[in-house]
Amino acid sequence: GDYTLDNELKKVGFSKDDITDVFLTHLHFDHCGGAIERQGDRLVPAFKKATYWSNEDHWNWAVHPNDREKASFLKENFIPIKESGQLKLISVPAYQGTEQLQEIHFSTDISCLVVNGHTQCMLLPKINYNGSTLVYMADLLPSVGHIPIPYVMGYDMQPLVTLNEKEIFLKEAIKNNYILFFEHDPINECCNLQETEKGIRSKELFTLGQINNS
């Protein structure tokens, strides 16, 4: 129906040509498929004036995929970005061990947390939004149902790494009162967190639009 990228942008007063920067959390087809569009017989970036951001480690991982992940990386979704000259690769700092997540500072209000359990060097944008800190969860926590630490997706390349990353992230998130934004949850857009007898769980469920009013 009418649920297209163009229509959704129009609802908030923008068009694809207004977009200046696109963060590719990772290059699995369900997270970057909309980055490209067909123009005649060519595949070109959908956002003509945008810089697309990925990182060297993940880009190389996607271009030379392992057999298990190969089906998730469709080169027509991302090679045209590089060919267009609109791709910029951030370098990831050296791995600091398992006590804290690496963080890449991008601008005053945006940084990216780096996680490796789902796929190599996935980026989680952390955004200062209306006085709150919003973290876009990509596939570390695809839905509210994945908040309990043992609930890990079968898609993850390194499930035990995911377990550790979730534990570190959830402790940091509850300490700093982060708002979590979910990509794969069909019902819940955002939540904050609380400690319960069973561990850290969701507290209030709300939409991005409601953050302004809280």
C-alpha atoms as a PDB file:
ATOM      1  CA  GLY A   1       0.000   0.000   0.000  1.00  0.00           C
ATOM      2  CA  ASP A   2       1.085   3.508   0.876  1.00  0.00           C
ATOM      3  CA  TYR A   3       3.765   2.432   3.334  1.00  0.00           C
ATOM      4  CA  THR A   4       6.846   3.508   1.386  1.00  0.00           C
ATOM      5  CA  LEU A   5       9.960   5.366   2.431  1.00  0.00           C
ATOM      6  CA  ASP A   6       8.925   8.377   0.349  1.00  0.00           C
ATOM      7  CA  ASN A   7       5.476   8.531   1.962  1.00  0.00           C
ATOM      8  CA  GLU A   8       6.805   8.093   5.498  1.00  0.00           C
ATOM      9  CA  LEU A   9       9.342  10.898   4.980  1.00  0.00           C
ATOM     10  CA  LYS A  10       6.659  13.120   3.450  1.00  0.00           C
ATOM     11  CA  LYS A  11       4.536  12.713   6.596  1.00  0.00           C
ATOM     12  CA  VAL A  12       7.272  14.424   8.616  1.00  0.00           C
ATOM     13  CA  GLY A  13       7.982  17.062   5.987  1.00  0.00           C
ATOM     14  CA  PHE A  14      11.050  15.619   4.262  1.00  0.00           C
ATOM     15  CA  SER A  15      12.029  13.930   1.016  1.00  0.00           C
ATOM     16  CA  LYS A  16      14.889  11.528   0.288  1.00  0.00           C
ATOM     17  CA  ASP A  17      16.941  14.404  -1.143  1.00  0.00           C
ATOM     18  CA  ASP A  18      16.841  16.180   2.242  1.00  0.00           C
ATOM     19  CA  ILE A  19      18.745  13.357   3.954  1.00  0.00           C
ATOM     20  CA  THR A  20      22.392  14.265   4.599  1.00  0.00           C
ATOM     21  CA  ASP A  21      23.705  11.176   6.438  1.00  0.00           C
ATOM     22  CA  VAL A  22      22.715   7.498   6.529  1.00  0.00           C
ATOM     23  CA  PHE A  23      24.062   5.161   9.226  1.00  0.00           C
ATOM     24  CA  LEU A  24      24.326   1.532   8.155  1.00  0.00           C
ATOM     25  CA  THR A  25      24.267  -0.371  11.456  1.00  0.00           C
ATOM     26  CA  HIS A  26      25.301  -3.464   9.459  1.00  0.00           C
ATOM     27  CA  LEU A  27      24.869  -4.710   5.916  1.00  0.00           C
ATOM     28  CA  HIS A  28      22.359  -7.568   6.316  1.00  0.00           C
ATOM     29  CA  PHE A  29      19.682  -7.133   3.645  1.00  0.00           C
ATOM     30  CA  ASP A  30      16.903  -6.287   6.116  1.00  0.00           C
ATOM     31  CA  HIS A  31      18.931  -3.378   7.509  1.00  0.00           C
ATOM     32  CA  CYS A  32      20.242  -1.755   4.338  1.00  0.00           C
ATOM     33  CA  GLY A  33      17.893  -2.798   1.529  1.00  0.00           C
ATOM     34  CA  GLY A  34      16.337   0.675   1.308  1.00  0.00           C
ATOM     35  CA  ALA A  35      19.747   2.296   0.787  1.00  0.00           C
ATOM     36  CA  ILE A  36      19.608   1.570  -2.943  1.00  0.00           C
ATOM     37  CA  GLU A  37      17.009   2.086  -5.656  1.00  0.00           C
ATOM     38  CA  ARG A  38      16.720   1.076  -9.273  1.00  0.00           C
ATOM     39  CA  GLN A  39      17.155   3.765 -11.919  1.00  0.00           C
ATOM     40  CA  GLY A  40      16.571   2.237 -15.328  1.00  0.00           C
ATOM     41  CA  ASP A  41      18.917  -0.738 -15.376  1.00  0.00           C
ATOM     42  CA  ARG A  42      21.268   0.746 -12.758  1.00  0.00           C
ATOM     43  CA  LEU A  43      21.288   0.447  -8.974  1.00  0.00           C
ATOM     44  CA  VAL A  44      22.020   3.804  -7.342  1.00  0.00           C
ATOM     45  CA  PRO A  45      21.886   5.251  -3.796  1.00  0.00           C
ATOM     46  CA  ALA A  46      18.321   6.144  -2.801  1.00  0.00           C
ATOM     47  CA  PHE A  47      19.586   9.208  -0.905  1.00  0.00           C
ATOM     48  CA  LYS A  48      21.409  11.166  -3.577  1.00  0.00           C
ATOM     49  CA  LYS A  49      22.848  13.887  -1.333  1.00  0.00           C
ATOM     50  CA  ALA A  50      23.734  11.723   1.668  1.00  0.00           C
ATOM     51  CA  THR A  51      26.993  10.388   2.993  1.00  0.00           C
ATOM     52  CA  TYR A  52      26.561   6.710   3.930  1.00  0.00           C
ATOM     53  CA  TRP A  53      28.481   5.593   7.026  1.00  0.00           C
ATOM     54  CA  SER A  54      29.771   2.095   7.763  1.00  0.00           C
ATOM     55  CA  ASN A  55      33.055   0.867   9.238  1.00  0.00           C
ATOM     56  CA  GLU A  56      36.074  -0.837   7.693  1.00  0.00           C
ATOM     57  CA  ASP A  57      35.833  -4.057   9.702  1.00  0.00           C
ATOM     58  CA  HIS A  58      32.174  -4.682   8.932  1.00  0.00           C
ATOM     59  CA  TRP A  59      32.455  -3.630   5.284  1.00  0.00           C
ATOM     60  CA  ASN A  60      35.245  -6.153   4.682  1.00  0.00           C
ATOM     61  CA  TRP A  61      33.266  -8.798   6.586  1.00  0.00           C
ATOM     62  CA  ALA A  62      30.266  -8.240   4.276  1.00  0.00           C
ATOM     63  CA  VAL A  63      32.267  -8.141   1.038  1.00  0.00           C
ATOM     64  CA  HIS A  64      34.028 -11.439   1.938  1.00  0.00           C
ATOM     65  CA  PRO A  65      31.282 -13.228   3.901  1.00  0.00           C
ATOM     66  CA  ASN A  66      31.508 -16.535   5.733  1.00  0.00           C
ATOM     67  CA  ASP A  67      29.318 -19.401   4.493  1.00  0.00           C
ATOM     68  CA  ARG A  68      26.849 -19.097   7.361  1.00  0.00           C
ATOM     69  CA  GLU A  69      26.168 -15.392   6.829  1.00  0.00           C
ATOM     70  CA  LYS A  70      26.511 -15.270   3.044  1.00  0.00           C
ATOM     71  CA  ALA A  71      22.743 -15.320   2.407  1.00  0.00           C
ATOM     72  CA  SER A  72      22.276 -12.197   4.556  1.00  0.00           C
ATOM     73  CA  PHE A  73      24.717 -10.047   2.572  1.00  0.00           C
ATOM     74  CA  LEU A  74      23.319  -9.121  -0.848  1.00  0.00           C
ATOM     75  CA  LYS A  75      26.040  -7.162  -2.618  1.00  0.00           C
ATOM     76  CA  GLU A  76      23.558  -5.260  -4.794  1.00  0.00           C
ATOM     77  CA  ASN A  77      22.373  -3.579  -1.560  1.00  0.00           C
ATOM     78  CA  PHE A  78      25.713  -2.003  -0.735  1.00  0.00           C
ATOM     79  CA  ILE A  79      28.356  -2.202  -3.504  1.00  0.00           C
ATOM     80  CA  PRO A  80      26.557   0.574  -5.485  1.00  0.00           C
ATOM     81  CA  ILE A  81      27.032   2.889  -2.473  1.00  0.00           C
ATOM     82  CA  LYS A  82      30.795   2.516  -2.751  1.00  0.00           C
ATOM     83  CA  GLU A  83      30.706   2.876  -6.536  1.00  0.00           C
ATOM     84  CA  SER A  84      28.785   6.154  -6.163  1.00  0.00           C
ATOM     85  CA  GLY A  85      31.526   7.691  -4.003  1.00  0.00           C
ATOM     86  CA  GLN A  86      28.998   8.349  -1.193  1.00  0.00           C
ATOM     87  CA  LEU A  87      30.431   5.783   1.248  1.00  0.00           C
ATOM     88  CA  LYS A  88      32.622   6.760   4.199  1.00  0.00           C
ATOM     89  CA  LEU A  89      34.170   4.114   6.438  1.00  0.00           C
ATOM     90  CA  ILE A  90      34.801   4.915  10.098  1.00  0.00           C
ATOM     91  CA  SER A  91      37.726   3.099  11.662  1.00  0.00           C
ATOM     92  CA  VAL A  92      36.896   1.098  14.789  1.00  0.00           C
ATOM     93  CA  PRO A  93      39.241   1.542  17.762  1.00  0.00           C
ATOM     94  CA  ALA A  94      41.213  -1.488  18.953  1.00  0.00           C
ATOM     95  CA  TYR A  95      39.127  -3.988  20.928  1.00  0.00           C
ATOM     96  CA  GLN A  96      39.245  -3.137  24.626  1.00  0.00           C
ATOM     97  CA  GLY A  97      38.241  -6.531  26.043  1.00  0.00           C
ATOM     98  CA  THR A  98      34.944  -7.603  27.555  1.00  0.00           C
ATOM     99  CA  GLU A  99      34.345  -5.031  30.306  1.00  0.00           C
ATOM    100  CA  GLN A 100      32.815  -2.231  28.272  1.00  0.00           C
ATOM    101  CA  LEU A 101      31.512  -1.567  24.781  1.00  0.00           C
ATOM    102  CA  GLN A 102      33.669   0.404  22.398  1.00  0.00           C
ATOM    103  CA  GLU A 103      32.233   3.778  21.434  1.00  0.00           C
ATOM    104  CA  ILE A 104      32.952   5.858  18.342  1.00  0.00           C
ATOM    105  CA  HIS A 105      32.223   9.564  18.796  1.00  0.00           C
ATOM    106  CA  PHE A 106      30.698  10.896  15.609  1.00  0.00           C
ATOM    107  CA  SER A 107      29.361  14.378  16.404  1.00  0.00           C
ATOM    108  CA  THR A 108      28.211  16.390  19.424  1.00  0.00           C
ATOM    109  CA  ASP A 109      24.931  14.498  19.716  1.00  0.00           C
ATOM    110  CA  ILE A 110      25.712  11.153  18.031  1.00  0.00           C
ATOM    111  CA  SER A 111      28.061   8.317  18.854  1.00  0.00           C
ATOM    112  CA  CYS A 112      28.022   4.615  17.949  1.00  0.00           C
ATOM    113  CA  LEU A 113      28.428   1.659  20.273  1.00  0.00           C
ATOM    114  CA  VAL A 114      30.277  -1.239  18.614  1.00  0.00           C
ATOM    115  CA  VAL A 115      29.127  -4.848  19.143  1.00  0.00           C
ATOM    116  CA  ASN A 116      30.362  -8.088  17.580  1.00  0.00           C
ATOM    117  CA  GLY A 117      28.062 -10.937  18.676  1.00  0.00           C
ATOM    118  CA  HIS A 118      25.435 -10.650  15.939  1.00  0.00           C
ATOM    119  CA  THR A 119      27.917  -9.841  13.176  1.00  0.00           C
ATOM    120  CA  GLN A 120      31.376  -8.281  13.059  1.00  0.00           C
ATOM    121  CA  CYS A 121      31.403  -4.616  14.155  1.00  0.00           C
ATOM    122  CA  MET A 122      27.703  -3.761  14.147  1.00  0.00           C
ATOM    123  CA  LEU A 123      27.097  -0.099  15.039  1.00  0.00           C
ATOM    124  CA  LEU A 124      24.384   1.040  17.460  1.00  0.00           C
ATOM    125  CA  PRO A 125      23.732   4.782  17.051  1.00  0.00           C
ATOM    126  CA  LYS A 126      23.439   6.545  20.419  1.00  0.00           C
ATOM    127  CA  ILE A 127      21.683   9.873  19.987  1.00  0.00           C
ATOM    128  CA  ASN A 128      21.058  12.817  22.265  1.00  0.00           C
ATOM    129  CA  TYR A 129      17.370  13.423  21.459  1.00  0.00           C
ATOM    130  CA  ASN A 130      15.275  16.061  23.214  1.00  0.00           C
ATOM    131  CA  GLY A 131      17.359  15.765  26.362  1.00  0.00           C
ATOM    132  CA  SER A 132      17.148  11.959  26.430  1.00  0.00           C
ATOM    133  CA  THR A 133      19.723   9.426  25.243  1.00  0.00           C
ATOM    134  CA  LEU A 134      18.204   7.187  22.593  1.00  0.00           C
ATOM    135  CA  VAL A 135      19.980   4.000  21.459  1.00  0.00           C
ATOM    136  CA  TYR A 136      18.934   2.391  18.182  1.00  0.00           C
ATOM    137  CA  MET A 137      19.213  -1.304  19.011  1.00  0.00           C
ATOM    138  CA  ALA A 138      19.608  -2.829  15.493  1.00  0.00           C
ATOM    139  CA  ASP A 139      20.046  -6.588  16.092  1.00  0.00           C
ATOM    140  CA  LEU A 140      21.592  -6.579  19.573  1.00  0.00           C
ATOM    141  CA  LEU A 141      18.065  -6.344  21.030  1.00  0.00           C
ATOM    142  CA  PRO A 142      15.674  -6.756  18.092  1.00  0.00           C
ATOM    143  CA  SER A 143      12.564  -6.485  20.294  1.00  0.00           C
ATOM    144  CA  VAL A 144      11.383  -6.027  23.886  1.00  0.00           C
ATOM    145  CA  GLY A 145      11.186  -9.831  24.040  1.00  0.00           C
ATOM    146  CA  HIS A 146      14.974 -10.031  23.634  1.00  0.00           C
ATOM    147  CA  ILE A 147      15.812  -7.960  26.731  1.00  0.00           C
ATOM    148  CA  PRO A 148      16.276 -11.010  29.049  1.00  0.00           C
ATOM    149  CA  ILE A 149      19.985 -11.836  28.793  1.00  0.00           C
ATOM    150  CA  PRO A 150      19.683 -15.547  27.771  1.00  0.00           C
ATOM    151  CA  TYR A 151      17.278 -14.759  24.900  1.00  0.00           C
ATOM    152  CA  VAL A 152      19.690 -14.656  21.961  1.00  0.00           C
ATOM    153  CA  MET A 153      18.806 -14.984  18.253  1.00  0.00           C
ATOM    154  CA  GLY A 154      19.768 -18.046  16.231  1.00  0.00           C
ATOM    155  CA  TYR A 155      21.090 -15.560  13.624  1.00  0.00           C
ATOM    156  CA  ASP A 156      23.933 -14.399  15.889  1.00  0.00           C
ATOM    157  CA  MET A 157      27.416 -15.436  14.776  1.00  0.00           C
ATOM    158  CA  GLN A 158      28.796 -15.479  18.328  1.00  0.00           C
ATOM    159  CA  PRO A 159      25.976 -16.039  20.844  1.00  0.00           C
ATOM    160  CA  LEU A 160      28.222 -15.942  23.917  1.00  0.00           C
ATOM    161  CA  VAL A 161      29.650 -12.609  22.789  1.00  0.00           C
ATOM    162  CA  THR A 162      26.062 -11.349  22.400  1.00  0.00           C
ATOM    163  CA  LEU A 163      25.291 -12.478  25.967  1.00  0.00           C
ATOM    164  CA  ASN A 164      28.211 -10.501  27.312  1.00  0.00           C
ATOM    165  CA  GLU A 165      27.405  -7.429  25.198  1.00  0.00           C
ATOM    166  CA  LYS A 166      23.773  -7.462  26.325  1.00  0.00           C
ATOM    167  CA  GLU A 167      24.790  -7.626  29.965  1.00  0.00           C
ATOM    168  CA  ILE A 168      27.245  -4.723  29.613  1.00  0.00           C
ATOM    169  CA  PHE A 169      24.769  -2.664  27.590  1.00  0.00           C
ATOM    170  CA  LEU A 170      21.776  -3.225  29.882  1.00  0.00           C
ATOM    171  CA  LYS A 171      23.774  -2.220  32.975  1.00  0.00           C
ATOM    172  CA  GLU A 172      24.974   0.933  31.215  1.00  0.00           C
ATOM    173  CA  ALA A 173      21.476   1.657  29.895  1.00  0.00           C
ATOM    174  CA  ILE A 174      19.772   1.394  33.280  1.00  0.00           C
ATOM    175  CA  LYS A 175      22.484   3.431  35.000  1.00  0.00           C
ATOM    176  CA  ASN A 176      22.192   6.242  32.428  1.00  0.00           C
ATOM    177  CA  ASN A 177      18.442   5.950  31.781  1.00  0.00           C
ATOM    178  CA  TYR A 178      18.762   5.245  28.046  1.00  0.00           C
ATOM    179  CA  ILE A 179      15.694   4.922  25.844  1.00  0.00           C
ATOM    180  CA  LEU A 180      15.879   1.840  23.624  1.00  0.00           C
ATOM    181  CA  PHE A 181      14.486   2.031  20.072  1.00  0.00           C
ATOM    182  CA  PHE A 182      13.636  -1.343  18.497  1.00  0.00           C
ATOM    183  CA  GLU A 183      13.916  -2.141  14.814  1.00  0.00           C
ATOM    184  CA  HIS A 184      12.243  -5.554  14.715  1.00  0.00           C
ATOM    185  CA  ASP A 185       9.480  -5.219  17.312  1.00  0.00           C
ATOM    186  CA  PRO A 186       6.100  -5.095  15.512  1.00  0.00           C
ATOM    187  CA  ILE A 187       4.318  -3.700  18.587  1.00  0.00           C
ATOM    188  CA  ASN A 188       6.751  -1.681  20.701  1.00  0.00           C
ATOM    189  CA  GLU A 189       8.770   1.195  19.285  1.00  0.00           C
ATOM    190  CA  CYS A 190      10.661   2.328  22.413  1.00  0.00           C
ATOM    191  CA  CYS A 191      11.081   1.510  26.081  1.00  0.00           C
ATOM    192  CA  ASN A 192      13.064   2.428  29.138  1.00  0.00           C
ATOM    193  CA  LEU A 193      14.289  -0.122  31.692  1.00  0.00           C
ATOM    194  CA  GLN A 194      13.863  -1.203  35.296  1.00  0.00           C
ATOM    195  CA  GLU A 195      15.470  -3.692  37.685  1.00  0.00           C
ATOM    196  CA  THR A 196      13.189  -6.599  38.614  1.00  0.00           C
ATOM    197  CA  GLU A 197      13.669  -9.788  40.618  1.00  0.00           C
ATOM    198  CA  LYS A 198      14.309 -11.571  37.316  1.00  0.00           C
ATOM    199  CA  GLY A 199      16.876  -9.019  36.095  1.00  0.00           C
ATOM    200  CA  ILE A 200      16.614  -5.933  33.900  1.00  0.00           C
ATOM    201  CA  ARG A 201      13.307  -5.690  32.005  1.00  0.00           C
ATOM    202  CA  SER A 202      11.297  -3.062  30.126  1.00  0.00           C
ATOM    203  CA  LYS A 203       9.546  -0.443  32.241  1.00  0.00           C
ATOM    204  CA  GLU A 204       7.389   1.885  30.111  1.00  0.00           C
ATOM    205  CA  LEU A 205       6.590   1.216  26.452  1.00  0.00           C
ATOM    206  CA  PHE A 206       6.062   4.239  24.199  1.00  0.00           C
ATOM    207  CA  THR A 207       6.640   5.688  20.724  1.00  0.00           C
ATOM    208  CA  LEU A 208       9.398   8.023  19.591  1.00  0.00           C
ATOM    209  CA  GLY A 209       6.801  10.777  19.232  1.00  0.00           C
ATOM    210  CA  GLN A 210       5.897  10.526  22.911  1.00  0.00           C
ATOM    211  CA  ILE A 211       9.458  11.317  24.073  1.00  0.00           C
ATOM    212  CA  ASN A 212       8.851  15.006  23.344  1.00  0.00           C
ATOM    213  CA  ASN A 213       5.963  15.019  25.762  1.00  0.00           C
ATOM    214  CA  SER A 214       7.498  13.083  28.638  1.00  0.00           C
END
